[in-house]
PDB file of N, CA and C in Angstrom:
ATOM      1  N   UNK A   1       0.810  -1.190   0.000  1.00  0.00           N
ATOM      2  CA  UNK A   1       0.000   0.000   0.000  1.00  0.00           C
ATOM      3  C   UNK A   1       0.856   1.258   0.000  1.00  0.00           C
ATOM      4  N   UNK A   2       2.031   1.197   0.627  1.00  0.00           N
ATOM      5  CA  UNK A   2       2.909   2.363   0.675  1.00  0.00           C
ATOM      6  C   UNK A   2       3.448   2.723  -0.709  1.00  0.00           C
ATOM      7  N   UNK A   3       3.622   1.743  -1.554  1.00  0.00           N
ATOM      8  CA  UNK A   3       4.092   2.008  -2.912  1.00  0.00           C
ATOM      9  C   UNK A   3       2.972   2.568  -3.779  1.00  0.00           C
ATOM     10  N   UNK A   4       1.772   2.246  -3.443  1.00  0.00           N
ATOM     11  CA  UNK A   4       0.623   2.684  -4.216  1.00  0.00           C
ATOM     12  C   UNK A   4       0.198   4.111  -3.862  1.00  0.00           C
ATOM     13  N   UNK A   5       0.518   4.572  -2.660  1.00  0.00           N
ATOM     14  CA  UNK A   5       0.101   5.903  -2.197  1.00  0.00           C
ATOM     15  C   UNK A   5       0.659   7.040  -3.068  1.00  0.00           C
ATOM     16  N   UNK A   6       1.972   7.050  -3.391  1.00  0.00           N
ATOM     17  CA  UNK A   6       2.467   8.133  -4.251  1.00  0.00           C
ATOM     18  C   UNK A   6       1.823   8.113  -5.640  1.00  0.00           C
ATOM     19  N   UNK A   7       1.564   6.932  -6.152  1.00  0.00           N
ATOM     20  CA  UNK A   7       0.922   6.833  -7.462  1.00  0.00           C
ATOM     21  C   UNK A   7      -0.493   7.390  -7.416  1.00  0.00           C
ATOM     22  N   UNK A   8      -1.212   7.086  -6.348  1.00  0.00           N
ATOM     23  CA  UNK A   8      -2.567   7.615  -6.192  1.00  0.00           C
ATOM     24  C   UNK A   8      -2.553   9.128  -6.000  1.00  0.00           C
ATOM     25  N   UNK A   9      -1.571   9.634  -5.263  1.00  0.00           N
ATOM     26  CA  UNK A   9      -1.446  11.082  -5.080  1.00  0.00           C
ATOM     27  C   UNK A   9      -1.143  11.769  -6.407  1.00  0.00           C
ATOM     28  N   UNK A  10      -0.274  11.179  -7.197  1.00  0.00           N
ATOM     29  CA  UNK A  10       0.042  11.731  -8.511  1.00  0.00           C
ATOM     30  C   UNK A  10      -1.171  11.705  -9.431  1.00  0.00           C
ATOM     31  N   UNK A  11      -1.914  10.645  -9.376  1.00  0.00           N
ATOM     32  CA  UNK A  11      -3.132  10.533 -10.162  1.00  0.00           C
ATOM     33  C   UNK A  11      -4.160  11.580  -9.733  1.00  0.00           C
ATOM     34  N   UNK A  12      -4.284  11.801  -8.439  1.00  0.00           N
ATOM     35  CA  UNK A  12      -5.219  12.819  -7.930  1.00  0.00           C
ATOM     36  C   UNK A  12      -4.788  14.219  -8.354  1.00  0.00           C
ATOM     37  N   UNK A  13      -3.482  14.495  -8.317  1.00  0.00           N
ATOM     38  CA  UNK A  13      -2.992  15.797  -8.752  1.00  0.00           C
ATOM     39  C   UNK A  13      -3.156  15.998 -10.251  1.00  0.00           C
ATOM     40  N   UNK A  14      -3.060  14.941 -11.029  1.00  0.00           N
ATOM     41  CA  UNK A  14      -3.208  15.075 -12.478  1.00  0.00           C
ATOM     42  C   UNK A  14      -4.633  15.442 -12.859  1.00  0.00           C
ATOM     43  N   UNK A  15      -5.577  15.195 -11.975  1.00  0.00           N
ATOM     44  CA  UNK A  15      -6.960  15.596 -12.238  1.00  0.00           C
ATOM     45  C   UNK A  15      -7.119  17.109 -12.192  1.00  0.00           C
ATOM     46  N   UNK A  16      -6.171  17.806 -11.586  1.00  0.00           N
ATOM     47  CA  UNK A  16      -6.236  19.262 -11.463  1.00  0.00           C
ATOM     48  C   UNK A  16      -5.592  19.981 -12.652  1.00  0.00           C
ATOM     49  N   UNK A  17      -4.995  19.262 -13.561  1.00  0.00           N
ATOM     50  CA  UNK A  17      -4.301  19.864 -14.693  1.00  0.00           C
ATOM     51  C   UNK A  17      -5.302  20.557 -15.614  1.00  0.00           C
ATOM     52  N   UNK A  18      -4.958  21.769 -16.008  1.00  0.00           N
ATOM     53  CA  UNK A  18      -5.835  22.521 -16.898  1.00  0.00           C
ATOM     54  C   UNK A  18      -5.804  21.909 -18.294  1.00  0.00           C
ATOM     55  N   UNK A  19      -6.954  21.850 -18.923  1.00  0.00           N
ATOM     56  CA  UNK A  19      -7.055  21.323 -20.282  1.00  0.00           C
ATOM     57  C   UNK A  19      -7.696  22.358 -21.180  1.00  0.00           C
ATOM     58  N   UNK A  20      -7.563  22.141 -22.463  1.00  0.00           N
ATOM     59  CA  UNK A  20      -8.114  23.067 -23.441  1.00  0.00           C
ATOM     60  C   UNK A  20      -8.717  22.261 -24.578  1.00  0.00           C
ATOM     61  N   UNK A  21      -9.899  22.628 -24.987  1.00  0.00           N
ATOM     62  CA  UNK A  21     -10.531  21.934 -26.098  1.00  0.00           C
ATOM     63  C   UNK A  21      -9.833  22.321 -27.394  1.00  0.00           C
ATOM     64  N   UNK A  22      -9.636  21.343 -28.254  1.00  0.00           N
ATOM     65  CA  UNK A  22      -8.919  21.593 -29.502  1.00  0.00           C
ATOM     66  C   UNK A  22      -9.669  22.553 -30.414  1.00  0.00           C
ATOM     67  N   UNK A  23     -10.989  22.512 -30.413  1.00  0.00           N
ATOM     68  CA  UNK A  23     -11.745  23.406 -31.294  1.00  0.00           C
ATOM     69  C   UNK A  23     -11.835  24.825 -30.746  1.00  0.00           C
ATOM     70  N   UNK A  24     -11.351  25.064 -29.532  1.00  0.00           N
ATOM     71  CA  UNK A  24     -11.366  26.409 -28.948  1.00  0.00           C
ATOM     72  C   UNK A  24     -10.187  27.248 -29.414  1.00  0.00           C
ATOM     73  N   UNK A  25      -9.196  26.628 -30.037  1.00  0.00           N
ATOM     74  CA  UNK A  25      -7.999  27.339 -30.476  1.00  0.00           C
ATOM     75  C   UNK A  25      -8.182  27.801 -31.912  1.00  0.00           C
ATOM     76  N   UNK A  26      -8.015  29.092 -32.116  1.00  0.00           N
ATOM     77  CA  UNK A  26      -8.109  29.642 -33.463  1.00  0.00           C
ATOM     78  C   UNK A  26      -6.850  29.282 -34.247  1.00  0.00           C
ATOM     79  N   UNK A  27      -6.978  29.109 -35.571  1.00  0.00           N
ATOM     80  CA  UNK A  27      -5.789  28.786 -36.376  1.00  0.00           C
ATOM     81  C   UNK A  27      -4.718  29.876 -36.341  1.00  0.00           C
ATOM     82  N   UNK A  28      -5.115  31.102 -36.036  1.00  0.00           N
ATOM     83  CA  UNK A  28      -4.154  32.203 -35.999  1.00  0.00           C
ATOM     84  C   UNK A  28      -3.620  32.465 -34.589  1.00  0.00           C
ATOM     85  N   UNK A  29      -3.903  31.574 -33.645  1.00  0.00           N
ATOM     86  CA  UNK A  29      -3.427  31.751 -32.265  1.00  0.00           C
ATOM     87  C   UNK A  29      -1.904  31.662 -32.231  1.00  0.00           C
ATOM     88  N   UNK A  30      -1.281  32.406 -31.317  1.00  0.00           N
ATOM     89  CA  UNK A  30       0.183  32.362 -31.216  1.00  0.00           C
ATOM     90  C   UNK A  30       0.683  30.945 -30.955  1.00  0.00           C
ATOM     91  N   UNK A  31       1.772  30.586 -31.636  1.00  0.00           N
ATOM     92  CA  UNK A  31       2.343  29.255 -31.518  1.00  0.00           C
ATOM     93  C   UNK A  31       3.736  29.285 -30.926  1.00  0.00           C
ATOM     94  N   UNK A  32       4.559  28.344 -31.353  1.00  0.00           N
ATOM     95  CA  UNK A  32       5.895  28.164 -30.791  1.00  0.00           C
ATOM     96  C   UNK A  32       6.764  29.410 -30.957  1.00  0.00           C
ATOM     97  N   UNK A  33       6.825  29.965 -32.160  1.00  0.00           N
ATOM     98  CA  UNK A  33       7.718  31.104 -32.404  1.00  0.00           C
ATOM     99  C   UNK A  33       7.298  32.339 -31.620  1.00  0.00           C
ATOM    100  N   UNK A  34       5.992  32.577 -31.519  1.00  0.00           N
ATOM    101  CA  UNK A  34       5.537  33.712 -30.718  1.00  0.00           C
ATOM    102  C   UNK A  34       5.801  33.457 -29.238  1.00  0.00           C
ATOM    103  N   UNK A  35       5.668  32.218 -28.798  1.00  0.00           N
ATOM    104  CA  UNK A  35       6.006  31.878 -27.417  1.00  0.00           C
ATOM    105  C   UNK A  35       7.478  32.113 -27.131  1.00  0.00           C
ATOM    106  N   UNK A  36       8.324  31.745 -28.083  1.00  0.00           N
ATOM    107  CA  UNK A  36       9.760  31.972 -27.954  1.00  0.00           C
ATOM    108  C   UNK A  36      10.055  33.460 -27.834  1.00  0.00           C
ATOM    109  N   UNK A  37       9.405  34.251 -28.689  1.00  0.00           N
ATOM    110  CA  UNK A  37       9.606  35.703 -28.661  1.00  0.00           C
ATOM    111  C   UNK A  37       9.078  36.299 -27.356  1.00  0.00           C
ATOM    112  N   UNK A  38       7.887  35.889 -26.931  1.00  0.00           N
ATOM    113  CA  UNK A  38       7.323  36.421 -25.702  1.00  0.00           C
ATOM    114  C   UNK A  38       8.161  36.042 -24.487  1.00  0.00           C
ATOM    115  N   UNK A  39       8.749  34.860 -24.491  1.00  0.00           N
ATOM    116  CA  UNK A  39       9.643  34.472 -23.409  1.00  0.00           C
ATOM    117  C   UNK A  39      10.920  35.283 -23.406  1.00  0.00           C
ATOM    118  N   UNK A  40      11.429  35.589 -24.582  1.00  0.00           N
ATOM    119  CA  UNK A  40      12.666  36.368 -24.700  1.00  0.00           C
ATOM    120  C   UNK A  40      12.469  37.796 -24.204  1.00  0.00           C
ATOM    121  N   UNK A  41      11.330  38.391 -24.520  1.00  0.00           N
ATOM    122  CA  UNK A  41      11.092  39.785 -24.123  1.00  0.00           C
ATOM    123  C   UNK A  41      10.372  39.879 -22.779  1.00  0.00           C
ATOM    124  N   UNK A  42      10.243  38.778 -22.067  1.00  0.00           N
ATOM    125  CA  UNK A  42       9.513  38.759 -20.795  1.00  0.00           C
ATOM    126  C   UNK A  42       9.946  39.846 -19.820  1.00  0.00           C
ATOM    127  N   UNK A  43      11.244  40.058 -19.546  1.00  0.00           N
ATOM    128  CA  UNK A  43      11.611  41.070 -18.546  1.00  0.00           C
ATOM    129  C   UNK A  43      11.103  42.464 -18.911  1.00  0.00           C
ATOM    130  N   UNK A  44      11.231  42.833 -20.163  1.00  0.00           N
ATOM    131  CA  UNK A  44      10.774  44.153 -20.605  1.00  0.00           C
ATOM    132  C   UNK A  44       9.259  44.222 -20.551  1.00  0.00           C
ATOM    133  N   UNK A  45       8.590  43.187 -21.009  1.00  0.00           N
ATOM    134  CA  UNK A  45       7.124  43.162 -21.001  1.00  0.00           C
ATOM    135  C   UNK A  45       6.578  43.187 -19.580  1.00  0.00           C
ATOM    136  N   UNK A  46       7.255  42.521 -18.667  1.00  0.00           N
ATOM    137  CA  UNK A  46       6.780  42.518 -17.288  1.00  0.00           C
ATOM    138  C   UNK A  46       6.863  43.906 -16.660  1.00  0.00           C
ATOM    139  N   UNK A  47       7.987  44.577 -16.855  1.00  0.00           N
ATOM    140  CA  UNK A  47       8.135  45.932 -16.308  1.00  0.00           C
ATOM    141  C   UNK A  47       7.109  46.862 -16.944  1.00  0.00           C
ATOM    142  N   UNK A  48       6.945  46.762 -18.258  1.00  0.00           N
ATOM    143  CA  UNK A  48       5.969  47.613 -18.945  1.00  0.00           C
ATOM    144  C   UNK A  48       4.546  47.299 -18.498  1.00  0.00           C
ATOM    145  N   UNK A  49       4.251  46.037 -18.195  1.00  0.00           N
ATOM    146  CA  UNK A  49       2.893  45.666 -17.779  1.00  0.00           C
ATOM    147  C   UNK A  49       2.529  46.248 -16.419  1.00  0.00           C
ATOM    148  N   UNK A  50       3.533  46.622 -15.637  1.00  0.00           N
ATOM    149  CA  UNK A  50       3.246  47.253 -14.352  1.00  0.00           C
ATOM    150  C   UNK A  50       2.665  48.652 -14.520  1.00  0.00           C
ATOM    151  N   UNK A  51       2.991  49.308 -15.643  1.00  0.00           N
ATOM    152  CA  UNK A  51       2.562  50.685 -15.861  1.00  0.00           C
ATOM    153  C   UNK A  51       1.503  50.836 -16.944  1.00  0.00           C
ATOM    154  N   UNK A  52       1.446  49.901 -17.884  1.00  0.00           N
ATOM    155  CA  UNK A  52       0.488  49.972 -18.984  1.00  0.00           C
ATOM    156  C   UNK A  52      -0.445  48.767 -18.879  1.00  0.00           C
ATOM    157  N   UNK A  53      -1.731  48.989 -18.585  1.00  0.00           N
ATOM    158  CA  UNK A  53      -2.629  47.857 -18.352  1.00  0.00           C
ATOM    159  C   UNK A  53      -2.909  46.990 -19.583  1.00  0.00           C
ATOM    160  N   UNK A  54      -2.679  47.481 -20.776  1.00  0.00           N
ATOM    161  CA  UNK A  54      -2.971  46.698 -21.976  1.00  0.00           C
ATOM    162  C   UNK A  54      -1.840  45.743 -22.359  1.00  0.00           C
ATOM    163  N   UNK A  55      -0.722  45.812 -21.684  1.00  0.00           N
ATOM    164  CA  UNK A  55       0.417  44.933 -21.997  1.00  0.00           C
ATOM    165  C   UNK A  55       0.344  43.704 -21.100  1.00  0.00           C
ATOM    166  N   UNK A  56       0.457  42.535 -21.715  1.00  0.00           N
ATOM    167  CA  UNK A  56       0.454  41.272 -20.976  1.00  0.00           C
ATOM    168  C   UNK A  56       1.769  40.539 -21.244  1.00  0.00           C
ATOM    169  N   UNK A  57       2.169  39.690 -20.323  1.00  0.00           N
ATOM    170  CA  UNK A  57       3.419  38.947 -20.488  1.00  0.00           C
ATOM    171  C   UNK A  57       3.195  37.573 -21.096  1.00  0.00           C
ATOM    172  N   UNK A  58       1.935  37.187 -21.289  1.00  0.00           N
ATOM    173  CA  UNK A  58       1.602  35.854 -21.791  1.00  0.00           C
ATOM    174  C   UNK A  58       0.387  35.983 -22.693  1.00  0.00           C
ATOM    175  N   UNK A  59       0.456  35.427 -23.898  1.00  0.00           N
ATOM    176  CA  UNK A  59      -0.647  35.546 -24.856  1.00  0.00           C
ATOM    177  C   UNK A  59      -1.752  34.541 -24.557  1.00  0.00           C
ATOM    178  N   UNK A  60      -2.956  35.045 -24.395  1.00  0.00           N
ATOM    179  CA  UNK A  60      -4.130  34.195 -24.191  1.00  0.00           C
ATOM    180  C   UNK A  60      -5.186  34.651 -25.169  1.00  0.00           C
ATOM    181  N   UNK A  61      -5.757  33.818 -25.985  1.00  0.00           N
ATOM    182  CA  UNK A  61      -5.521  32.382 -26.123  1.00  0.00           C
ATOM    183  C   UNK A  61      -4.273  32.108 -26.960  1.00  0.00           C
ATOM    184  N   UNK A  62      -3.705  30.942 -26.779  1.00  0.00           N
ATOM    185  CA  UNK A  62      -2.572  30.493 -27.585  1.00  0.00           C
ATOM    186  C   UNK A  62      -2.864  29.061 -28.013  1.00  0.00           C
ATOM    187  N   UNK A  63      -1.916  28.459 -28.754  1.00  0.00           N
ATOM    188  CA  UNK A  63      -2.209  27.111 -29.261  1.00  0.00           C
ATOM    189  C   UNK A  63      -1.822  25.997 -28.299  1.00  0.00           C
ATOM    190  N   UNK A  64      -1.524  26.328 -27.065  1.00  0.00           N
ATOM    191  CA  UNK A  64      -1.317  25.290 -26.053  1.00  0.00           C
ATOM    192  C   UNK A  64       0.129  24.948 -25.798  1.00  0.00           C
ATOM    193  N   UNK A  65       0.436  23.662 -25.887  1.00  0.00           N
ATOM    194  CA  UNK A  65       1.744  23.144 -25.498  1.00  0.00           C
ATOM    195  C   UNK A  65       2.921  23.721 -26.253  1.00  0.00           C
ATOM    196  N   UNK A  66       2.776  23.938 -27.550  1.00  0.00           N
ATOM    197  CA  UNK A  66       3.891  24.478 -28.318  1.00  0.00           C
ATOM    198  C   UNK A  66       4.200  25.919 -27.927  1.00  0.00           C
ATOM    199  N   UNK A  67       3.165  26.707 -27.668  1.00  0.00           N
ATOM    200  CA  UNK A  67       3.391  28.080 -27.201  1.00  0.00           C
ATOM    201  C   UNK A  67       4.089  28.047 -25.842  1.00  0.00           C
ATOM    202  N   UNK A  68       3.614  27.186 -24.949  1.00  0.00           N
ATOM    203  CA  UNK A  68       4.217  27.080 -23.618  1.00  0.00           C
ATOM    204  C   UNK A  68       5.681  26.659 -23.699  1.00  0.00           C
ATOM    205  N   UNK A  69       5.974  25.711 -24.585  1.00  0.00           N
ATOM    206  CA  UNK A  69       7.357  25.246 -24.757  1.00  0.00           C
ATOM    207  C   UNK A  69       8.241  26.374 -25.289  1.00  0.00           C
ATOM    208  N   UNK A  70       7.754  27.114 -26.267  1.00  0.00           N
ATOM    209  CA  UNK A  70       8.508  28.246 -26.788  1.00  0.00           C
ATOM    210  C   UNK A  70       8.714  29.319 -25.733  1.00  0.00           C
ATOM    211  N   UNK A  71       7.687  29.579 -24.933  1.00  0.00           N
ATOM    212  CA  UNK A  71       7.769  30.567 -23.864  1.00  0.00           C
ATOM    213  C   UNK A  71       8.829  30.154 -22.841  1.00  0.00           C
ATOM    214  N   UNK A  72       8.806  28.880 -22.480  1.00  0.00           N
ATOM    215  CA  UNK A  72       9.794  28.348 -21.538  1.00  0.00           C
ATOM    216  C   UNK A  72      11.214  28.488 -22.094  1.00  0.00           C
ATOM    217  N   UNK A  73      11.408  28.089 -23.344  1.00  0.00           N
ATOM    218  CA  UNK A  73      12.735  28.214 -23.953  1.00  0.00           C
ATOM    219  C   UNK A  73      13.165  29.670 -24.051  1.00  0.00           C
ATOM    220  N   UNK A  74      12.222  30.541 -24.386  1.00  0.00           N
ATOM    221  CA  UNK A  74      12.544  31.961 -24.490  1.00  0.00           C
ATOM    222  C   UNK A  74      13.041  32.534 -23.181  1.00  0.00           C
ATOM    223  N   UNK A  75      12.418  32.145 -22.093  1.00  0.00           N
ATOM    224  CA  UNK A  75      12.845  32.665 -20.786  1.00  0.00           C
ATOM    225  C   UNK A  75      14.134  32.000 -20.316  1.00  0.00           C
ATOM    226  N   UNK A  76      14.180  30.688 -20.349  1.00  0.00           N
ATOM    227  CA  UNK A  76      15.289  29.961 -19.730  1.00  0.00           C
ATOM    228  C   UNK A  76      16.546  29.950 -20.595  1.00  0.00           C
ATOM    229  N   UNK A  77      16.404  29.698 -21.876  1.00  0.00           N
ATOM    230  CA  UNK A  77      17.582  29.521 -22.727  1.00  0.00           C
ATOM    231  C   UNK A  77      18.053  30.834 -23.336  1.00  0.00           C
ATOM    232  N   UNK A  78      17.127  31.613 -23.878  1.00  0.00           N
ATOM    233  CA  UNK A  78      17.526  32.807 -24.615  1.00  0.00           C
ATOM    234  C   UNK A  78      17.336  34.099 -23.837  1.00  0.00           C
ATOM    235  N   UNK A  79      16.535  34.095 -22.802  1.00  0.00           N
ATOM    236  CA  UNK A  79      16.200  35.322 -22.096  1.00  0.00           C
ATOM    237  C   UNK A  79      16.910  35.458 -20.772  1.00  0.00           C
ATOM    238  N   UNK A  80      16.134  35.557 -19.717  1.00  0.00           N
ATOM    239  CA  UNK A  80      16.633  35.837 -18.384  1.00  0.00           C
ATOM    240  C   UNK A  80      17.613  34.774 -17.895  1.00  0.00           C
ATOM    241  N   UNK A  81      17.320  33.506 -18.123  1.00  0.00           N
ATOM    242  CA  UNK A  81      18.164  32.440 -17.610  1.00  0.00           C
ATOM    243  C   UNK A  81      19.407  32.175 -18.430  1.00  0.00           C
ATOM    244  N   UNK A  82      19.620  32.930 -19.513  1.00  0.00           N
ATOM    245  CA  UNK A  82      20.740  32.666 -20.408  1.00  0.00           C
ATOM    246  C   UNK A  82      22.033  33.328 -19.954  1.00  0.00           C
ATOM    247  N   UNK A  83      21.969  34.167 -18.947  1.00  0.00           N
ATOM    248  CA  UNK A  83      23.182  34.850 -18.508  1.00  0.00           C
ATOM    249  C   UNK A  83      24.154  33.878 -17.862  1.00  0.00           C
ATOM    250  N   UNK A  84      25.401  34.021 -18.200  1.00  0.00           N
ATOM    251  CA  UNK A  84      26.420  33.199 -17.549  1.00  0.00           C
ATOM    252  C   UNK A  84      26.877  33.925 -16.299  1.00  0.00           C
ATOM    253  N   UNK A  85      26.949  33.195 -15.222  1.00  0.00           N
ATOM    254  CA  UNK A  85      27.393  33.820 -13.979  1.00  0.00           C
ATOM    255  C   UNK A  85      28.846  33.432 -13.733  1.00  0.00           C
ATOM    256  N   UNK A  86      29.610  34.407 -13.339  1.00  0.00           N
ATOM    257  CA  UNK A  86      31.004  34.175 -13.015  1.00  0.00           C
ATOM    258  C   UNK A  86      31.245  34.676 -11.606  1.00  0.00           C
ATOM    259  N   UNK A  87      31.768  33.820 -10.781  1.00  0.00           N
ATOM    260  CA  UNK A  87      32.071  34.197  -9.408  1.00  0.00           C
ATOM    261  C   UNK A  87      33.578  34.328  -9.293  1.00  0.00           C
ATOM    262  N   UNK A  88      34.022  35.505  -8.915  1.00  0.00           N
ATOM    263  CA  UNK A  88      35.452  35.748  -8.754  1.00  0.00           C
ATOM    264  C   UNK A  88      35.694  36.085  -7.295  1.00  0.00           C
ATOM    265  N   UNK A  89      36.578  35.331  -6.681  1.00  0.00           N
ATOM    266  CA  UNK A  89      36.924  35.573  -5.278  1.00  0.00           C
ATOM    267  C   UNK A  89      38.403  35.889  -5.207  1.00  0.00           C
ATOM    268  N   UNK A  90      38.717  36.944  -4.518  1.00  0.00           N
ATOM    269  CA  UNK A  90      40.124  37.335  -4.404  1.00  0.00           C
ATOM    270  C   UNK A  90      40.455  37.524  -2.928  1.00  0.00           C
ATOM    271  N   UNK A  91      41.414  36.752  -2.451  1.00  0.00           N
ATOM    272  CA  UNK A  91      41.868  36.842  -1.062  1.00  0.00           C
ATOM    273  C   UNK A  91      43.314  37.293  -1.064  1.00  0.00           C
ATOM    274  N   UNK A  92      43.613  38.325  -0.305  1.00  0.00           N
ATOM    275  CA  UNK A  92      44.990  38.802  -0.185  1.00  0.00           C
ATOM    276  C   UNK A  92      45.340  38.796   1.302  1.00  0.00           C
ATOM    277  N   UNK A  93      46.377  38.043   1.639  1.00  0.00           N
ATOM    278  CA  UNK A  93      46.835  37.957   3.014  1.00  0.00           C
ATOM    279  C   UNK A  93      48.152  38.704   3.116  1.00  0.00           C
ATOM    280  N   UNK A  94      48.174  39.800   3.864  1.00  0.00           N
ATOM    281  CA  UNK A  94      49.384  40.609   3.970  1.00  0.00           C
ATOM    282  C   UNK A  94      50.154  40.354   5.274  1.00  0.00           C
ATOM    283  N   UNK A  95      49.501  39.770   6.256  1.00  0.00           N
ATOM    284  CA  UNK A  95      50.156  39.592   7.544  1.00  0.00           C
ATOM    285  C   UNK A  95      50.899  38.264   7.664  1.00  0.00           C
ATOM    286  N   UNK A  96      50.979  37.493   6.628  1.00  0.00           N
ATOM    287  CA  UNK A  96      51.602  36.168   6.692  1.00  0.00           C
ATOM    288  C   UNK A  96      52.826  36.078   5.789  1.00  0.00           C
ATOM    289  N   UNK A  97      53.632  37.064   5.833  1.00  0.00           N
ATOM    290  CA  UNK A  97      54.830  37.008   5.019  1.00  0.00           C
ATOM    291  C   UNK A  97      54.569  37.578   3.640  1.00  0.00           C
ATOM    292  N   UNK A  98      55.006  36.868   2.574  1.00  0.00           N
ATOM    293  CA  UNK A  98      54.776  37.385   1.229  1.00  0.00           C
ATOM    294  C   UNK A  98      53.278  37.393   0.891  1.00  0.00           C
ATOM    295  N   UNK A  99      52.911  38.259  -0.013  1.00  0.00           N
ATOM    296  CA  UNK A  99      51.509  38.400  -0.424  1.00  0.00           C
ATOM    297  C   UNK A  99      51.070  37.162  -1.187  1.00  0.00           C
ATOM    298  N   UNK A 100      49.980  36.563  -0.738  1.00  0.00           N
ATOM    299  CA  UNK A 100      49.411  35.407  -1.419  1.00  0.00           C
ATOM    300  C   UNK A 100      48.133  35.876  -2.087  1.00  0.00           C
ATOM    301  N   UNK A 101      48.071  35.749  -3.385  1.00  0.00           N
ATOM    302  CA  UNK A 101      46.900  36.198  -4.140  1.00  0.00           C
ATOM    303  C   UNK A 101      46.244  34.973  -4.766  1.00  0.00           C
ATOM    304  N   UNK A 102      45.052  34.650  -4.307  1.00  0.00           N
ATOM    305  CA  UNK A 102      44.355  33.488  -4.875  1.00  0.00           C
ATOM    306  C   UNK A 102      43.077  33.960  -5.555  1.00  0.00           C
ATOM    307  N   UNK A 103      42.849  33.464  -6.727  1.00  0.00           N
ATOM    308  CA  UNK A 103      41.666  33.829  -7.499  1.00  0.00           C
ATOM    309  C   UNK A 103      40.935  32.544  -7.894  1.00  0.00           C
ATOM    310  N   UNK A 104      39.630  32.528  -7.640  1.00  0.00           N
ATOM    311  CA  UNK A 104      38.814  31.365  -7.986  1.00  0.00           C
ATOM    312  C   UNK A 104      37.745  31.831  -8.969  1.00  0.00           C
ATOM    313  N   UNK A 105      37.529  31.047 -10.011  1.00  0.00           N
ATOM    314  CA  UNK A 105      36.501  31.354 -10.994  1.00  0.00           C
ATOM    315  C   UNK A 105      35.630  30.146 -11.163  1.00  0.00           C
ATOM    316  N   UNK A 106      34.307  30.373 -11.171  1.00  0.00           N
ATOM    317  CA  UNK A 106      33.370  29.288 -11.370  1.00  0.00           C
ATOM    318  C   UNK A 106      33.402  28.875 -12.837  1.00  0.00           C
ATOM    319  N   UNK A 107      33.477  27.588 -13.058  1.00  0.00           N
ATOM    320  CA  UNK A 107      33.466  27.052 -14.418  1.00  0.00           C
ATOM    321  C   UNK A 107      32.152  26.294 -14.599  1.00  0.00           C
ATOM    322  N   UNK A 108      31.329  26.754 -15.538  1.00  0.00           N
ATOM    323  CA  UNK A 108      30.031  26.117 -15.773  1.00  0.00           C
ATOM    324  C   UNK A 108      30.142  24.992 -16.759  1.00  0.00           C
TER     325      UNK A 108
END
C-alpha cells in the first residue's frame, strides 16, 4: 500500500491539470515562435505591464503546449536564464609574510 500511495497522489494531482478543447484554439493563435519571442522579451514586457494595463506577459488564447514550450525556452535559454554567472573571489593575506593572491573562478 505504501508504494501505491504516491501513485494515487500523482493521479489525484493530475486531475487538477488545466485542459483546453482543440476546437477552442483559433488557427491564428500564437504558436511556438511567438512563445519563444514572448519568453525572450519577458523582462521588458513585465516591467511595462506594471505601468500599462494593456500589456500582458503571456498571450491568451494560444495554441497550447507548443506556445508554452517556446515561452519556456525563451525565458530559460535565450532570455533571463541565459546569462552566464562568473564568481570571482580574491583573497589577499598581507600579515603572513609574502603576499598570497588566490583567485577562484566558477566554471560552468
